PDB file of N, CA and C in Angstrom:
ATOM      1  N   MET A   1     113.178 115.435  85.152  1.00  0.00           N
ATOM      2  CA  MET A   1     112.050 115.018  85.929  1.00  0.00           C
ATOM      3  C   MET A   1     111.628 115.339  87.287  1.00  0.00           C
ATOM      4  N   LYS A   2     110.330 115.318  87.340  1.00  0.00           N
ATOM      5  CA  LYS A   2     109.814 115.948  88.217  1.00  0.00           C
ATOM      6  C   LYS A   2     109.371 114.786  89.763  1.00  0.00           C
ATOM      7  N   THR A   3     109.701 115.537  91.043  1.00  0.00           N
ATOM      8  CA  THR A   3     109.431 114.900  92.112  1.00  0.00           C
ATOM      9  C   THR A   3     107.436 114.629  92.815  1.00  0.00           C
ATOM     10  N   TYR A   4     107.501 114.108  92.483  1.00  0.00           N
ATOM     11  CA  TYR A   4     106.103 113.213  93.610  1.00  0.00           C
ATOM     12  C   TYR A   4     105.508 113.400  94.745  1.00  0.00           C
ATOM     13  N   GLU A   5     105.100 113.162  95.148  1.00  0.00           N
ATOM     14  CA  GLU A   5     104.765 112.811  96.556  1.00  0.00           C
ATOM     15  C   GLU A   5     103.353 112.303  96.853  1.00  0.00           C
ATOM     16  N   PHE A   6     103.374 111.611  97.968  1.00  0.00           N
ATOM     17  CA  PHE A   6     101.851 110.897  97.711  1.00  0.00           C
ATOM     18  C   PHE A   6     102.246 110.232  98.984  1.00  0.00           C
ATOM     19  N   ILE A   7     101.286 109.402  99.764  1.00  0.00           N
ATOM     20  CA  ILE A   7     100.821 107.891 100.396  1.00  0.00           C
ATOM     21  C   ILE A   7     100.289 107.193 100.496  1.00  0.00           C
ATOM     22  N   VAL A   8     101.507 106.244 101.282  1.00  0.00           N
ATOM     23  CA  VAL A   8     100.721 104.871 100.388  1.00  0.00           C
ATOM     24  C   VAL A   8     100.553 104.038 101.541  1.00  0.00           C
ATOM     25  N   THR A   9      99.023 103.193 101.893  1.00  0.00           N
ATOM     26  CA  THR A   9      98.751 102.858 103.490  1.00  0.00           C
ATOM     27  C   THR A   9      98.888 101.442 102.913  1.00  0.00           C
ATOM     28  N   LEU A  10      99.106 100.443 104.402  1.00  0.00           N
ATOM     29  CA  LEU A  10      99.709  99.066 103.664  1.00  0.00           C
ATOM     30  C   LEU A  10      98.124  98.233 103.971  1.00  0.00           C
ATOM     31  N   ALA A  11      98.277  97.509 103.136  1.00  0.00           N
ATOM     32  CA  ALA A  11      97.613  96.282 103.698  1.00  0.00           C
ATOM     33  C   ALA A  11      97.279  95.681 104.103  1.00  0.00           C
ATOM     34  N   GLU A  12      98.404  95.240 105.332  1.00  0.00           N
ATOM     35  CA  GLU A  12      98.334  94.670 106.386  1.00  0.00           C
ATOM     36  C   GLU A  12      99.534  94.837 107.467  1.00  0.00           C
ATOM     37  N   GLY A  13      99.602  94.714 108.683  1.00  0.00           N
ATOM     38  CA  GLY A  13      99.981  95.184 109.850  1.00  0.00           C
ATOM     39  C   GLY A  13      99.288  96.644 110.015  1.00  0.00           C
ATOM     40  N   THR A  14      99.952  96.461 111.441  1.00  0.00           N
ATOM     41  CA  THR A  14      99.219  97.909 112.419  1.00  0.00           C
ATOM     42  C   THR A  14     100.767  99.201 112.921  1.00  0.00           C
ATOM     43  N   GLU A  15     101.642  98.209 112.982  1.00  0.00           N
ATOM     44  CA  GLU A  15     103.337  99.381 113.684  1.00  0.00           C
ATOM     45  C   GLU A  15     103.210  98.804 112.552  1.00  0.00           C
ATOM     46  N   HIS A  16     104.771 100.065 112.351  1.00  0.00           N
ATOM     47  CA  HIS A  16     105.757  99.698 111.249  1.00  0.00           C
ATOM     48  C   HIS A  16     107.221  98.491 112.762  1.00  0.00           C
ATOM     49  N   THR A  17     107.750  97.962 112.520  1.00  0.00           N
ATOM     50  CA  THR A  17     108.927  97.078 112.913  1.00  0.00           C
ATOM     51  C   THR A  17     109.563  97.205 112.134  1.00  0.00           C
ATOM     52  N   ASP A  18     111.175  97.117 112.750  1.00  0.00           N
ATOM     53  CA  ASP A  18     112.534  97.648 111.800  1.00  0.00           C
ATOM     54  C   ASP A  18     113.278  97.173 111.100  1.00  0.00           C
ATOM     55  N   GLU A  19     112.287  95.739 110.727  1.00  0.00           N
ATOM     56  CA  GLU A  19     112.071  94.586 109.427  1.00  0.00           C
ATOM     57  C   GLU A  19     111.864  95.092 108.224  1.00  0.00           C
ATOM     58  N   LEU A  20     110.381  95.433 108.830  1.00  0.00           N
ATOM     59  CA  LEU A  20     109.389  96.235 107.574  1.00  0.00           C
ATOM     60  C   LEU A  20     110.502  97.381 107.068  1.00  0.00           C
ATOM     61  N   VAL A  21     110.532  98.549 107.810  1.00  0.00           N
ATOM     62  CA  VAL A  21     111.155  99.315 107.241  1.00  0.00           C
ATOM     63  C   VAL A  21     112.702  99.117 106.563  1.00  0.00           C
ATOM     64  N   GLU A  22     113.330  98.269 106.983  1.00  0.00           N
ATOM     65  CA  GLU A  22     114.512  97.548 106.319  1.00  0.00           C
ATOM     66  C   GLU A  22     114.570  96.909 105.196  1.00  0.00           C
ATOM     67  N   ALA A  23     113.421  95.715 104.902  1.00  0.00           N
ATOM     68  CA  ALA A  23     112.816  95.730 103.932  1.00  0.00           C
ATOM     69  C   ALA A  23     112.293  96.342 102.936  1.00  0.00           C
ATOM     70  N   LEU A  24     112.231  97.550 103.413  1.00  0.00           N
ATOM     71  CA  LEU A  24     111.101  98.592 102.405  1.00  0.00           C
ATOM     72  C   LEU A  24     112.120  98.742 101.669  1.00  0.00           C
ATOM     73  N   PHE A  25     113.471  99.205 102.277  1.00  0.00           N
ATOM     74  CA  PHE A  25     114.567 101.013 101.549  1.00  0.00           C
ATOM     75  C   PHE A  25     115.537  99.431 101.034  1.00  0.00           C
ATOM     76  N   GLU A  26     115.678  98.059 101.664  1.00  0.00           N
ATOM     77  CA  GLU A  26     116.371  97.477 100.848  1.00  0.00           C
ATOM     78  C   GLU A  26     116.132  96.883  99.303  1.00  0.00           C
ATOM     79  N   ALA A  27     114.231  97.048  99.117  1.00  0.00           N
ATOM     80  CA  ALA A  27     113.880  96.443  97.368  1.00  0.00           C
ATOM     81  C   ALA A  27     114.076  98.004  96.999  1.00  0.00           C
ATOM     82  N   GLY A  28     114.342  99.373  97.598  1.00  0.00           N
ATOM     83  CA  GLY A  28     114.119 100.636  96.506  1.00  0.00           C
ATOM     84  C   GLY A  28     112.618 102.002  97.527  1.00  0.00           C
ATOM     85  N   CYS A  29     111.876 101.336  98.183  1.00  0.00           N
ATOM     86  CA  CYS A  29     111.909 102.423  99.077  1.00  0.00           C
ATOM     87  C   CYS A  29     112.632 103.158  99.735  1.00  0.00           C
ATOM     88  N   ASP A  30     113.906 104.024  99.407  1.00  0.00           N
ATOM     89  CA  ASP A  30     114.754 105.190 100.410  1.00  0.00           C
ATOM     90  C   ASP A  30     114.209 105.974 100.299  1.00  0.00           C
ATOM     91  N   ASP A  31     113.584 106.199  99.183  1.00  0.00           N
ATOM     92  CA  ASP A  31     112.790 107.582  98.735  1.00  0.00           C
ATOM     93  C   ASP A  31     111.375 108.049  99.931  1.00  0.00           C
ATOM     94  N   GLY A  32     111.032 106.853 101.203  1.00  0.00           N
ATOM     95  CA  GLY A  32     109.953 107.017 101.798  1.00  0.00           C
ATOM     96  C   GLY A  32     110.373 106.904 102.312  1.00  0.00           C
ATOM     97  N   SER A  33     109.352 107.633 104.003  1.00  0.00           N
ATOM     98  CA  SER A  33     109.032 107.231 105.082  1.00  0.00           C
ATOM     99  C   SER A  33     108.455 106.814 105.898  1.00  0.00           C
ATOM    100  N   VAL A  34     108.503 105.668 106.452  1.00  0.00           N
ATOM    101  CA  VAL A  34     107.047 105.003 107.005  1.00  0.00           C
ATOM    102  C   VAL A  34     106.655 104.761 109.111  1.00  0.00           C
ATOM    103  N   TRP A  35     105.935 105.361 108.819  1.00  0.00           N
ATOM    104  CA  TRP A  35     105.044 105.008 110.432  1.00  0.00           C
ATOM    105  C   TRP A  35     103.711 104.423 110.242  1.00  0.00           C
ATOM    106  N   SER A  36     103.096 104.428 111.693  1.00  0.00           N
ATOM    107  CA  SER A  36     102.680 103.907 112.042  1.00  0.00           C
ATOM    108  C   SER A  36     100.923 104.808 111.975  1.00  0.00           C
ATOM    109  N   SER A  37      99.932 104.450 111.916  1.00  0.00           N
ATOM    110  CA  SER A  37      99.122 105.868 112.193  1.00  0.00           C
ATOM    111  C   SER A  37      97.327 105.322 111.705  1.00  0.00           C
ATOM    112  N   GLY A  38      96.063 105.153 113.190  1.00  0.00           N
ATOM    113  CA  GLY A  38      95.185 104.804 113.140  1.00  0.00           C
ATOM    114  C   GLY A  38      95.396 103.847 112.234  1.00  0.00           C
ATOM    115  N   GLY A  39      96.248 102.788 113.448  1.00  0.00           N
ATOM    116  CA  GLY A  39      96.227 101.421 112.968  1.00  0.00           C
ATOM    117  C   GLY A  39      96.708 101.054 111.588  1.00  0.00           C
ATOM    118  N   TYR A  40      97.157 101.590 110.666  1.00  0.00           N
ATOM    119  CA  TYR A  40      97.409 101.693 109.889  1.00  0.00           C
ATOM    120  C   TYR A  40      99.661 101.276 109.330  1.00  0.00           C
ATOM    121  N   VAL A  41     100.295 101.261 108.851  1.00  0.00           N
ATOM    122  CA  VAL A  41     101.382 101.773 108.553  1.00  0.00           C
ATOM    123  C   VAL A  41     100.866 102.318 106.920  1.00  0.00           C
ATOM    124  N   GLN A  42     101.700 102.923 106.913  1.00  0.00           N
ATOM    125  CA  GLN A  42     101.913 104.323 105.791  1.00  0.00           C
ATOM    126  C   GLN A  42     103.506 104.609 105.695  1.00  0.00           C
ATOM    127  N   ILE A  43     103.583 105.090 104.160  1.00  0.00           N
ATOM    128  CA  ILE A  43     104.789 105.757 103.532  1.00  0.00           C
ATOM    129  C   ILE A  43     104.719 107.025 103.179  1.00  0.00           C
ATOM    130  N   GLY A  44     105.544 108.325 102.933  1.00  0.00           N
ATOM    131  CA  GLY A  44     105.757 109.101 102.491  1.00  0.00           C
ATOM    132  C   GLY A  44     106.694 109.159 101.599  1.00  0.00           C
ATOM    133  N   PHE A  45     105.568 109.051 100.530  1.00  0.00           N
ATOM    134  CA  PHE A  45     106.833 109.227  99.046  1.00  0.00           C
ATOM    135  C   PHE A  45     106.981 110.392  98.859  1.00  0.00           C
ATOM    136  N   SER A  46     109.052 110.362  98.069  1.00  0.00           N
ATOM    137  CA  SER A  46     108.778 112.105  97.757  1.00  0.00           C
ATOM    138  C   SER A  46     110.033 111.283  96.280  1.00  0.00           C
ATOM    139  N   ARG A  47     109.006 110.675  95.322  1.00  0.00           N
ATOM    140  CA  ARG A  47     109.408 110.235  94.320  1.00  0.00           C
ATOM    141  C   ARG A  47     110.254 111.183  92.627  1.00  0.00           C
ATOM    142  N   GLU A  48     111.419 110.961  92.083  1.00  0.00           N
ATOM    143  CA  GLU A  48     111.513 111.646  91.391  1.00  0.00           C
ATOM    144  C   GLU A  48     110.717 110.751  90.087  1.00  0.00           C
ATOM    145  N   SER A  49     110.169 111.250  89.203  1.00  0.00           N
ATOM    146  CA  SER A  49     109.746 110.262  88.073  1.00  0.00           C
ATOM    147  C   SER A  49     109.105 110.862  87.007  1.00  0.00           C
ATOM    148  N   GLU A  50     109.546 110.329  85.514  1.00  0.00           N
ATOM    149  CA  GLU A  50     108.652 110.737  84.578  1.00  0.00           C
ATOM    150  C   GLU A  50     107.635 111.447  84.224  1.00  0.00           C
ATOM    151  N   SER A  51     106.669 110.614  85.201  1.00  0.00           N
ATOM    152  CA  SER A  51     105.222 111.198  85.514  1.00  0.00           C
ATOM    153  C   SER A  51     104.927 110.304  86.692  1.00  0.00           C
ATOM    154  N   LEU A  52     103.627 111.333  87.306  1.00  0.00           N
ATOM    155  CA  LEU A  52     102.979 110.602  88.467  1.00  0.00           C
ATOM    156  C   LEU A  52     102.277 109.360  88.341  1.00  0.00           C
ATOM    157  N   GLU A  53     101.986 108.373  86.976  1.00  0.00           N
ATOM    158  CA  GLU A  53     101.650 107.139  86.785  1.00  0.00           C
ATOM    159  C   GLU A  53     102.597 106.730  87.377  1.00  0.00           C
ATOM    160  N   ALA A  54     104.015 107.115  86.531  1.00  0.00           N
ATOM    161  CA  ALA A  54     105.463 105.804  86.192  1.00  0.00           C
ATOM    162  C   ALA A  54     105.806 105.957  88.249  1.00  0.00           C
ATOM    163  N   ALA A  55     105.624 107.101  88.659  1.00  0.00           N
ATOM    164  CA  ALA A  55     105.963 107.027  90.560  1.00  0.00           C
ATOM    165  C   ALA A  55     105.592 105.944  90.877  1.00  0.00           C
ATOM    166  N   ILE A  56     104.044 106.201  90.882  1.00  0.00           N
ATOM    167  CA  ILE A  56     103.279 105.802  91.400  1.00  0.00           C
ATOM    168  C   ILE A  56     103.710 104.110  91.288  1.00  0.00           C
ATOM    169  N   ARG A  57     103.379 103.853  90.330  1.00  0.00           N
ATOM    170  CA  ARG A  57     104.359 101.915  89.664  1.00  0.00           C
ATOM    171  C   ARG A  57     104.842 101.611  90.250  1.00  0.00           C
ATOM    172  N   SER A  58     106.052 102.546  90.062  1.00  0.00           N
ATOM    173  CA  SER A  58     107.325 101.834  90.627  1.00  0.00           C
ATOM    174  C   SER A  58     107.122 102.064  92.215  1.00  0.00           C
ATOM    175  N   ALA A  59     106.717 103.359  92.718  1.00  0.00           N
ATOM    176  CA  ALA A  59     106.478 102.565  94.784  1.00  0.00           C
ATOM    177  C   ALA A  59     105.188 101.424  94.416  1.00  0.00           C
ATOM    178  N   VAL A  60     104.382 101.139  94.148  1.00  0.00           N
ATOM    179  CA  VAL A  60     103.681 100.334  94.376  1.00  0.00           C
ATOM    180  C   VAL A  60     104.835  98.425  94.200  1.00  0.00           C
ATOM    181  N   GLY A  61     105.597  98.289  92.717  1.00  0.00           N
ATOM    182  CA  GLY A  61     105.891  97.466  93.410  1.00  0.00           C
ATOM    183  C   GLY A  61     107.720  97.134  93.744  1.00  0.00           C
ATOM    184  N   ASP A  62     107.765  98.229  94.220  1.00  0.00           N
ATOM    185  CA  ASP A  62     109.303  97.880  95.497  1.00  0.00           C
ATOM    186  C   ASP A  62     108.197  97.537  96.121  1.00  0.00           C
ATOM    187  N   ILE A  63     106.877  98.164  96.644  1.00  0.00           N
ATOM    188  CA  ILE A  63     106.235  97.902  97.782  1.00  0.00           C
ATOM    189  C   ILE A  63     106.152  95.817  98.229  1.00  0.00           C
ATOM    190  N   GLN A  64     105.989  95.799  96.663  1.00  0.00           N
ATOM    191  CA  GLN A  64     105.333  94.157  96.230  1.00  0.00           C
ATOM    192  C   GLN A  64     106.920  93.718  96.506  1.00  0.00           C
ATOM    193  N   LYS A  65     107.855  94.173  96.468  1.00  0.00           N
ATOM    194  CA  LYS A  65     109.541  93.412  96.550  1.00  0.00           C
ATOM    195  C   LYS A  65     110.149  93.448  98.220  1.00  0.00           C
ATOM    196  N   ALA A  66     109.477  94.249  98.422  1.00  0.00           N
ATOM    197  CA  ALA A  66     109.724  94.091 100.010  1.00  0.00           C
ATOM    198  C   ALA A  66     108.483  92.948 100.986  1.00  0.00           C
ATOM    199  N   GLY A  67     107.683  92.368  99.948  1.00  0.00           N
ATOM    200  CA  GLY A  67     106.421  91.207 100.025  1.00  0.00           C
ATOM    201  C   GLY A  67     105.706  91.944 100.895  1.00  0.00           C
ATOM    202  N   SER A  68     104.937  93.242 101.165  1.00  0.00           N
ATOM    203  CA  SER A  68     103.618  94.155 101.489  1.00  0.00           C
ATOM    204  C   SER A  68     103.382  94.250 100.122  1.00  0.00           C
ATOM    205  N   ARG A  69     101.771  94.350  99.936  1.00  0.00           N
ATOM    206  CA  ARG A  69     100.865  95.336 100.024  1.00  0.00           C
ATOM    207  C   ARG A  69     100.519  95.838  99.484  1.00  0.00           C
ATOM    208  N   VAL A  70      99.701  96.737  99.035  1.00  0.00           N
ATOM    209  CA  VAL A  70      99.332  98.699  98.920  1.00  0.00           C
ATOM    210  C   VAL A  70      97.643  98.426  99.601  1.00  0.00           C
ATOM    211  N   PHE A  71      97.554  98.953 100.586  1.00  0.00           N
ATOM    212  CA  PHE A  71      95.055  99.058 100.141  1.00  0.00           C
ATOM    213  C   PHE A  71      94.764 100.238  99.964  1.00  0.00           C
ATOM    214  N   GLN A  72      95.779 101.990  99.719  1.00  0.00           N
ATOM    215  CA  GLN A  72      95.399 103.089  99.195  1.00  0.00           C
ATOM    216  C   GLN A  72      96.541 103.832  98.620  1.00  0.00           C
ATOM    217  N   ILE A  73      96.157 104.883  97.970  1.00  0.00           N
ATOM    218  CA  ILE A  73      97.786 105.872  97.715  1.00  0.00           C
ATOM    219  C   ILE A  73      96.705 106.441  97.819  1.00  0.00           C
ATOM    220  N   ILE A  74      97.333 107.728  99.319  1.00  0.00           N
ATOM    221  CA  ILE A  74      96.508 109.454  98.081  1.00  0.00           C
ATOM    222  C   ILE A  74      97.327 110.032  98.508  1.00  0.00           C
ATOM    223  N   MET A  75      96.856 111.139  97.441  1.00  0.00           N
ATOM    224  CA  MET A  75      97.672 111.803  96.726  1.00  0.00           C
ATOM    225  C   MET A  75      97.655 113.040  97.811  1.00  0.00           C
ATOM    226  N   GLU A  76      99.184 113.714  97.299  1.00  0.00           N
ATOM    227  CA  GLU A  76      99.309 114.572  98.064  1.00  0.00           C
ATOM    228  C   GLU A  76      98.553 116.197  97.736  1.00  0.00           C
ATOM    229  N   GLU A  77      98.790 116.869  97.466  1.00  0.00           N
ATOM    230  CA  GLU A  77      97.771 118.113  96.507  1.00  0.00           C
ATOM    231  C   GLU A  77      98.670 119.027  95.412  1.00  0.00           C
ATOM    232  N   GLY A  78      99.982 119.206  95.272  1.00  0.00           N
ATOM    233  CA  GLY A  78     101.014 119.378  94.706  1.00  0.00           C
ATOM    234  C   GLY A  78     100.057 118.305  93.468  1.00  0.00           C
ATOM    235  N   SER A  79     100.588 117.321  93.714  1.00  0.00           N
ATOM    236  CA  SER A  79     100.167 116.258  92.626  1.00  0.00           C
ATOM    237  C   SER A  79      99.333 115.779  91.892  1.00  0.00           C
ATOM    238  N   LEU A  80      97.768 115.682  92.809  1.00  0.00           N
ATOM    239  CA  LEU A  80      96.918 116.214  91.666  1.00  0.00           C
ATOM    240  C   LEU A  80      97.187 117.890  90.628  1.00  0.00           C
ATOM    241  N   ALA A  81      97.391 118.633  91.604  1.00  0.00           N
ATOM    242  CA  ALA A  81      97.452 119.630  90.702  1.00  0.00           C
ATOM    243  C   ALA A  81      98.593 119.417  89.292  1.00  0.00           C
ATOM    244  N   ALA A  82      99.690 118.994  89.694  1.00  0.00           N
ATOM    245  CA  ALA A  82     100.223 118.870  88.895  1.00  0.00           C
ATOM    246  C   ALA A  82      99.436 117.994  87.735  1.00  0.00           C
ATOM    247  N   LEU A  83      98.403 117.204  87.829  1.00  0.00           N
ATOM    248  CA  LEU A  83      98.194 116.077  87.118  1.00  0.00           C
ATOM    249  C   LEU A  83      96.521 116.720  86.189  1.00  0.00           C
ATOM    250  N   ALA A  84      96.165 117.174  87.506  1.00  0.00           N
ATOM    251  CA  ALA A  84      95.050 118.221  86.306  1.00  0.00           C
ATOM    252  C   ALA A  84      95.386 119.017  85.326  1.00  0.00           C
ATOM    253  N   SER A  85      96.840 119.412  85.602  1.00  0.00           N
ATOM    254  CA  SER A  85      96.783 120.894  84.125  1.00  0.00           C
ATOM    255  C   SER A  85      97.974 119.594  83.144  1.00  0.00           C
ATOM    256  N   VAL A  86      97.673 118.691  82.876  1.00  0.00           N
ATOM    257  CA  VAL A  86      98.493 117.740  81.866  1.00  0.00           C
ATOM    258  C   VAL A  86      97.300 117.715  80.783  1.00  0.00           C
ATOM    259  N   PRO A  87      97.466 118.193  79.260  1.00  0.00           N
ATOM    260  CA  PRO A  87      96.373 118.255  78.737  1.00  0.00           C
ATOM    261  C   PRO A  87      96.028 116.633  77.533  1.00  0.00           C
TER     262      PRO A  87
END
Protein backbone atom coordinates (compact mmCIF):
# COMPACT_ATOMS: atom_id res chain seq x y z
CA MET A 1 0.00 0.00 0.00
CA LYS A 2 1.02 3.57 -0.62
CA THR A 3 0.66 6.61 1.65
CA TYR A 4 -1.27 9.59 0.25
CA GLU A 5 -1.18 13.08 1.71
CA PHE A 6 -4.01 15.58 1.42
CA ILE A 7 -5.77 18.27 3.42
CA VAL A 8 -9.49 18.28 4.12
CA THR A 9 -11.31 21.49 5.02
CA LEU A 10 -14.46 21.01 7.08
CA ALA A 11 -17.69 22.73 6.10
CA GLU A 12 -18.48 23.94 9.59
CA GLY A 13 -16.60 25.45 12.51
CA THR A 14 -13.89 28.06 12.64
CA GLU A 15 -11.85 26.64 15.53
CA HIS A 16 -11.05 23.05 16.35
CA THR A 17 -12.16 21.85 19.76
CA ASP A 18 -11.06 18.95 21.93
CA GLU A 19 -14.49 17.37 21.36
CA LEU A 20 -14.11 17.57 17.56
CA VAL A 21 -10.58 16.17 17.64
CA GLU A 22 -11.73 13.29 19.86
CA ALA A 23 -14.75 12.53 17.65
CA LEU A 24 -12.55 12.50 14.53
CA PHE A 25 -9.99 10.25 16.20
CA GLU A 26 -12.65 7.81 17.35
CA ALA A 27 -14.20 7.76 13.86
CA GLY A 28 -10.91 6.63 12.29
CA CYS A 29 -9.05 9.86 11.57
CA ASP A 30 -6.12 8.85 13.75
CA ASP A 31 -3.83 9.41 10.75
CA GLY A 32 -4.80 13.09 10.53
CA SER A 33 -3.66 16.26 12.25
CA VAL A 34 -6.36 18.83 13.02
CA TRP A 35 -5.81 22.61 13.04
CA SER A 36 -7.63 25.89 12.46
CA SER A 37 -6.54 28.33 9.77
CA GLY A 38 -8.22 31.34 8.16
CA GLY A 39 -11.56 30.67 9.82
CA TYR A 40 -11.67 27.00 8.80
CA VAL A 41 -10.94 23.70 10.48
CA GLN A 42 -8.57 21.54 8.44
CA ILE A 43 -7.23 18.02 8.75
CA GLY A 44 -3.93 17.01 7.19
CA PHE A 45 -4.03 13.32 6.34
CA SER A 46 -1.24 10.87 5.66
CA ARG A 47 -3.36 7.85 4.77
CA GLU A 48 -2.28 4.42 3.54
CA SER A 49 -4.48 2.97 0.84
CA GLU A 50 -4.54 1.05 -2.42
CA SER A 51 -5.27 4.26 -4.36
CA LEU A 52 -5.64 8.00 -3.92
CA GLU A 53 -9.37 7.74 -4.54
CA ALA A 54 -9.77 5.05 -1.87
CA ALA A 55 -7.74 7.13 0.61
CA ILE A 56 -9.92 10.19 0.05
CA ARG A 57 -13.19 8.24 0.14
CA SER A 58 -12.25 6.55 3.42
CA ALA A 59 -11.19 9.87 5.00
CA VAL A 60 -14.45 11.54 3.95
CA GLY A 61 -16.40 8.58 5.34
CA ASP A 62 -14.56 8.80 8.66
CA ILE A 63 -15.21 12.54 8.85
CA GLN A 64 -18.90 11.95 8.22
CA LYS A 65 -18.95 9.26 10.94
CA ALA A 66 -17.66 11.95 13.32
CA GLY A 67 -20.65 14.15 12.42
CA SER A 68 -18.81 16.64 10.22
CA ARG A 69 -19.04 17.56 6.54
CA VAL A 70 -16.29 18.18 4.00
CA PHE A 71 -16.01 21.56 2.29
CA GLN A 72 -12.94 20.92 0.12
CA ILE A 73 -9.97 18.62 -0.37
CA ILE A 74 -6.52 19.97 -1.19
CA MET A 75 -4.03 17.59 -2.72
CA GLU A 76 -0.41 17.53 -1.68
CA GLU A 77 2.05 17.86 -4.57
CA GLY A 78 3.36 14.28 -4.29
CA SER A 79 -0.14 12.81 -4.47
CA LEU A 80 -0.91 14.77 -7.62
CA ALA A 81 2.28 13.51 -9.23
CA ALA A 82 1.33 9.95 -8.32
CA LEU A 83 -2.13 10.42 -9.78
CA ALA A 84 -0.75 11.92 -13.00
CA SER A 85 1.63 8.99 -13.51
CA VAL A 86 -1.16 6.37 -13.47
CA PRO A 87 -1.69 5.05 -17.03
